[in-house]
Amino acid sequence: MGVAPCSTRCYGDGVSTPEITQRDLRSRSREIMDAVESGQSFTVTRDGREIGQLVPIRRRRRFISREEFAAMSRNAPHSDLDAFRADQNAAVDQWQDERI
């Protein structure tokens, strides 16, 4: 289910989200929320000015198989463990200084 094309206005290069007025959102909230739930995004306007965005929440997967994790890890950049530890120590030192 989608929102009728005549009720929204695309702008820019065609990649941007359709605009929907605050009044349209109020009067057609169920239809618009159904469209958001199915993946559609909208820019909400009031008096011709953009005031917000409605975007679907990205669902996180809860499980990644060992094989998938290993495949993703093969392409990960190399980490310098000494630099990582130095960053952690600096963050802890800064946190402790702020607490004193």
N, C-alpha and C. Protein backbone atom coordinates (compact mmCIF):
# COMPACT_ATOMS: atom_id res chain seq x y z
N MET A 1 0.86 -1.17 0.00
CA MET A 1 0.00 0.00 0.00
C MET A 1 0.89 1.22 0.00
N GLY A 2 0.55 2.21 -0.79
CA GLY A 2 1.34 3.42 -0.85
C GLY A 2 0.46 4.65 -0.83
N VAL A 3 1.08 5.77 -0.69
CA VAL A 3 0.36 7.03 -0.68
C VAL A 3 0.16 7.45 -2.13
N ALA A 4 -1.01 7.99 -2.43
CA ALA A 4 -1.32 8.40 -3.79
C ALA A 4 -0.29 9.39 -4.30
N PRO A 5 0.23 9.20 -5.52
CA PRO A 5 1.28 10.08 -6.03
C PRO A 5 0.87 11.53 -6.10
N CYS A 6 -0.41 11.81 -6.33
CA CYS A 6 -0.83 13.20 -6.46
C CYS A 6 -0.83 13.93 -5.12
N SER A 7 -0.68 13.20 -4.02
CA SER A 7 -0.73 13.85 -2.71
C SER A 7 0.63 14.29 -2.22
N THR A 8 1.68 13.90 -2.92
CA THR A 8 3.03 14.29 -2.51
C THR A 8 3.71 15.00 -3.66
N ARG A 9 4.76 15.73 -3.32
CA ARG A 9 5.49 16.49 -4.34
C ARG A 9 6.96 16.14 -4.22
N CYS A 10 7.52 15.58 -5.27
CA CYS A 10 8.96 15.29 -5.29
C CYS A 10 9.71 16.56 -5.69
N TYR A 11 10.89 16.72 -5.19
CA TYR A 11 11.67 17.91 -5.48
C TYR A 11 13.10 17.51 -5.72
N GLY A 12 13.87 18.45 -6.22
CA GLY A 12 15.30 18.21 -6.44
C GLY A 12 15.55 17.26 -7.59
N ASP A 13 16.50 16.33 -7.40
CA ASP A 13 16.94 15.44 -8.47
C ASP A 13 16.14 14.15 -8.55
N GLY A 14 15.05 14.05 -7.83
CA GLY A 14 14.23 12.85 -7.88
C GLY A 14 14.66 11.79 -6.89
N VAL A 15 15.77 12.00 -6.18
CA VAL A 15 16.25 11.04 -5.21
C VAL A 15 15.68 11.36 -3.83
N SER A 16 15.31 12.61 -3.61
CA SER A 16 14.82 13.05 -2.31
C SER A 16 13.48 12.41 -1.99
N THR A 17 13.14 12.47 -0.72
CA THR A 17 11.87 11.90 -0.29
C THR A 17 10.72 12.81 -0.67
N PRO A 18 9.54 12.23 -0.90
CA PRO A 18 8.37 13.05 -1.21
C PRO A 18 8.01 13.94 -0.02
N GLU A 19 7.47 15.10 -0.31
CA GLU A 19 7.01 16.00 0.74
C GLU A 19 5.55 15.73 1.05
N ILE A 20 5.20 15.90 2.30
CA ILE A 20 3.82 15.76 2.73
C ILE A 20 3.56 16.86 3.75
N THR A 21 2.41 17.51 3.66
CA THR A 21 2.13 18.61 4.56
C THR A 21 1.72 18.10 5.93
N GLN A 22 1.86 18.95 6.92
CA GLN A 22 1.45 18.60 8.28
C GLN A 22 -0.04 18.27 8.29
N ARG A 23 -0.83 19.04 7.57
CA ARG A 23 -2.27 18.79 7.52
C ARG A 23 -2.57 17.43 6.90
N ASP A 24 -1.87 17.09 5.81
CA ASP A 24 -2.05 15.79 5.18
C ASP A 24 -1.67 14.66 6.14
N LEU A 25 -0.59 14.86 6.87
CA LEU A 25 -0.16 13.87 7.85
C LEU A 25 -1.24 13.65 8.92
N ARG A 26 -1.82 14.73 9.37
CA ARG A 26 -2.84 14.65 10.41
C ARG A 26 -4.10 13.95 9.87
N SER A 27 -4.52 14.28 8.68
CA SER A 27 -5.78 13.73 8.17
C SER A 27 -5.64 12.33 7.58
N ARG A 28 -4.42 11.95 7.17
CA ARG A 28 -4.23 10.65 6.53
C ARG A 28 -3.15 9.85 7.24
N SER A 29 -3.08 9.98 8.56
CA SER A 29 -1.97 9.38 9.31
C SER A 29 -1.89 7.87 9.14
N ARG A 30 -3.01 7.18 9.13
CA ARG A 30 -2.95 5.72 9.00
C ARG A 30 -2.34 5.30 7.67
N GLU A 31 -2.80 5.91 6.59
CA GLU A 31 -2.29 5.59 5.26
C GLU A 31 -0.80 5.91 5.16
N ILE A 32 -0.41 7.04 5.71
CA ILE A 32 0.99 7.46 5.65
C ILE A 32 1.87 6.55 6.52
N MET A 33 1.40 6.21 7.71
CA MET A 33 2.18 5.32 8.58
C MET A 33 2.31 3.93 7.96
N ASP A 34 1.26 3.46 7.26
CA ASP A 34 1.36 2.18 6.55
C ASP A 34 2.44 2.26 5.48
N ALA A 35 2.52 3.41 4.77
CA ALA A 35 3.56 3.58 3.75
C ALA A 35 4.95 3.60 4.39
N VAL A 36 5.09 4.27 5.54
CA VAL A 36 6.38 4.31 6.24
C VAL A 36 6.76 2.90 6.69
N GLU A 37 5.79 2.16 7.21
CA GLU A 37 6.05 0.80 7.66
C GLU A 37 6.53 -0.09 6.51
N SER A 38 6.07 0.20 5.31
CA SER A 38 6.48 -0.62 4.16
C SER A 38 7.77 -0.10 3.51
N GLY A 39 8.39 0.95 4.10
CA GLY A 39 9.69 1.39 3.63
C GLY A 39 9.75 2.78 3.04
N GLN A 40 8.62 3.45 2.86
CA GLN A 40 8.59 4.79 2.27
C GLN A 40 9.02 5.84 3.30
N SER A 41 9.74 6.86 2.87
CA SER A 41 10.13 7.98 3.72
C SER A 41 9.43 9.24 3.21
N PHE A 42 9.20 10.19 4.11
CA PHE A 42 8.56 11.45 3.76
C PHE A 42 9.26 12.61 4.45
N THR A 43 9.24 13.77 3.80
CA THR A 43 9.64 15.02 4.43
C THR A 43 8.36 15.76 4.76
N VAL A 44 8.21 16.14 6.03
CA VAL A 44 7.00 16.84 6.48
C VAL A 44 7.24 18.34 6.38
N THR A 45 6.24 19.05 5.83
CA THR A 45 6.35 20.49 5.68
C THR A 45 5.22 21.20 6.41
N ARG A 46 5.49 22.42 6.82
CA ARG A 46 4.48 23.31 7.39
C ARG A 46 4.70 24.68 6.77
N ASP A 47 3.65 25.23 6.21
CA ASP A 47 3.73 26.54 5.54
C ASP A 47 4.84 26.57 4.49
N GLY A 48 5.03 25.44 3.79
CA GLY A 48 6.02 25.36 2.73
C GLY A 48 7.45 25.15 3.18
N ARG A 49 7.68 25.05 4.50
CA ARG A 49 9.04 24.84 5.03
C ARG A 49 9.17 23.41 5.54
N GLU A 50 10.31 22.81 5.30
CA GLU A 50 10.58 21.46 5.81
C GLU A 50 10.75 21.53 7.32
N ILE A 51 10.03 20.67 8.04
CA ILE A 51 10.14 20.68 9.51
C ILE A 51 10.56 19.33 10.08
N GLY A 52 10.52 18.28 9.30
CA GLY A 52 10.91 16.98 9.83
C GLY A 52 10.86 15.91 8.78
N GLN A 53 11.26 14.70 9.19
CA GLN A 53 11.24 13.56 8.30
C GLN A 53 10.58 12.37 8.98
N LEU A 54 9.84 11.63 8.22
CA LEU A 54 9.30 10.34 8.66
C LEU A 54 10.09 9.28 7.91
N VAL A 55 10.80 8.45 8.65
CA VAL A 55 11.60 7.40 8.03
C VAL A 55 11.34 6.09 8.75
N PRO A 56 11.37 4.98 8.02
CA PRO A 56 11.16 3.69 8.67
C PRO A 56 12.33 3.36 9.60
N ILE A 57 12.03 2.66 10.67
CA ILE A 57 13.07 2.19 11.58
C ILE A 57 13.74 0.98 10.94
N ARG A 58 15.05 1.00 10.94
CA ARG A 58 15.77 -0.16 10.41
C ARG A 58 15.77 -1.25 11.46
N ARG A 59 15.34 -2.39 11.07
CA ARG A 59 15.30 -3.54 11.98
C ARG A 59 16.68 -4.19 12.04
N ARG A 60 17.15 -4.44 13.23
CA ARG A 60 18.45 -5.09 13.39
C ARG A 60 18.26 -6.60 13.43
N ARG A 61 19.18 -7.27 12.78
CA ARG A 61 19.16 -8.72 12.88
C ARG A 61 19.75 -9.11 14.22
N ARG A 62 19.23 -10.14 14.80
CA ARG A 62 19.71 -10.57 16.12
C ARG A 62 20.80 -11.64 16.03
N PHE A 63 20.90 -12.32 14.91
CA PHE A 63 21.85 -13.42 14.81
C PHE A 63 22.63 -13.32 13.51
N ILE A 64 23.93 -13.48 13.61
CA ILE A 64 24.78 -13.58 12.43
C ILE A 64 25.56 -14.87 12.57
N SER A 65 25.50 -15.68 11.55
CA SER A 65 26.19 -16.96 11.62
C SER A 65 27.70 -16.76 11.70
N ARG A 66 28.39 -17.75 12.18
CA ARG A 66 29.85 -17.70 12.30
C ARG A 66 30.49 -17.49 10.92
N GLU A 67 29.94 -18.17 9.92
CA GLU A 67 30.49 -18.05 8.57
C GLU A 67 30.31 -16.62 8.03
N GLU A 68 29.14 -16.04 8.28
CA GLU A 68 28.89 -14.67 7.81
C GLU A 68 29.81 -13.68 8.54
N PHE A 69 29.99 -13.86 9.85
CA PHE A 69 30.88 -13.00 10.62
C PHE A 69 32.32 -13.11 10.10
N ALA A 70 32.75 -14.34 9.83
CA ALA A 70 34.11 -14.54 9.31
C ALA A 70 34.28 -13.88 7.96
N ALA A 71 33.27 -13.96 7.09
CA ALA A 71 33.35 -13.35 5.77
C ALA A 71 33.42 -11.82 5.89
N MET A 72 32.63 -11.25 6.79
CA MET A 72 32.67 -9.80 6.98
C MET A 72 34.00 -9.37 7.57
N SER A 73 34.55 -10.17 8.46
CA SER A 73 35.80 -9.82 9.13
C SER A 73 36.99 -9.84 8.18
N ARG A 74 36.93 -10.68 7.16
CA ARG A 74 38.04 -10.75 6.20
C ARG A 74 38.25 -9.42 5.49
N ASN A 75 37.18 -8.65 5.30
CA ASN A 75 37.28 -7.38 4.59
C ASN A 75 37.46 -6.19 5.52
N ALA A 76 37.50 -6.43 6.82
CA ALA A 76 37.65 -5.33 7.79
C ALA A 76 39.06 -4.77 7.73
N PRO A 77 39.21 -3.48 7.97
CA PRO A 77 40.56 -2.90 7.98
C PRO A 77 41.36 -3.42 9.16
N HIS A 78 42.67 -3.42 8.99
CA HIS A 78 43.57 -3.87 10.05
C HIS A 78 43.55 -2.86 11.20
N SER A 79 43.52 -3.37 12.42
CA SER A 79 43.52 -2.50 13.59
C SER A 79 44.89 -2.50 14.24
N ASP A 80 45.35 -1.32 14.60
CA ASP A 80 46.60 -1.17 15.33
C ASP A 80 46.25 -1.25 16.81
N LEU A 81 46.54 -2.38 17.45
CA LEU A 81 46.14 -2.60 18.84
C LEU A 81 46.79 -1.62 19.80
N ASP A 82 48.03 -1.23 19.53
CA ASP A 82 48.69 -0.26 20.42
C ASP A 82 47.98 1.09 20.36
N ALA A 83 47.60 1.52 19.15
CA ALA A 83 46.89 2.79 19.01
C ALA A 83 45.51 2.70 19.66
N PHE A 84 44.86 1.56 19.53
CA PHE A 84 43.54 1.36 20.15
C PHE A 84 43.64 1.46 21.67
N ARG A 85 44.64 0.79 22.25
CA ARG A 85 44.82 0.85 23.71
C ARG A 85 45.16 2.27 24.16
N ALA A 86 45.95 2.98 23.39
CA ALA A 86 46.29 4.36 23.74
C ALA A 86 45.04 5.23 23.71
N ASP A 87 44.17 5.03 22.73
CA ASP A 87 42.91 5.78 22.67
C ASP A 87 42.04 5.47 23.88
N GLN A 88 41.95 4.21 24.25
CA GLN A 88 41.16 3.83 25.43
C GLN A 88 41.72 4.48 26.69
N ASN A 89 43.03 4.43 26.87
CA ASN A 89 43.65 5.02 28.05
C ASN A 89 43.41 6.53 28.10
N ALA A 90 43.51 7.18 26.97
CA ALA A 90 43.28 8.63 26.92
C ALA A 90 41.83 8.95 27.28
N ALA A 91 40.90 8.14 26.83
CA ALA A 91 39.48 8.38 27.14
C ALA A 91 39.22 8.17 28.63
N VAL A 92 39.83 7.14 29.21
CA VAL A 92 39.65 6.89 30.64
C VAL A 92 40.28 8.01 31.45
N ASP A 93 41.48 8.43 31.06
CA ASP A 93 42.14 9.52 31.77
C ASP A 93 41.30 10.80 31.73
N GLN A 94 40.74 11.11 30.57
CA GLN A 94 39.91 12.30 30.43
C GLN A 94 38.66 12.18 31.31
N TRP A 95 38.04 11.01 31.33
CA TRP A 95 36.84 10.76 32.14
C TRP A 95 37.17 10.93 33.63
N GLN A 96 38.31 10.41 34.05
CA GLN A 96 38.69 10.51 35.45
C GLN A 96 38.99 11.96 35.82
N ASP A 97 39.64 12.73 34.94
CA ASP A 97 39.93 14.13 35.19
C ASP A 97 38.65 14.94 35.35
N GLU A 98 37.60 14.61 34.57
CA GLU A 98 36.33 15.33 34.65
C GLU A 98 35.59 15.03 35.95
N ARG A 99 35.83 13.87 36.55
CA ARG A 99 35.13 13.47 37.76
C ARG A 99 35.78 14.07 39.01
N ILE A 100 37.01 14.50 38.89
CA ILE A 100 37.73 15.01 40.07
C ILE A 100 37.32 16.44 40.35
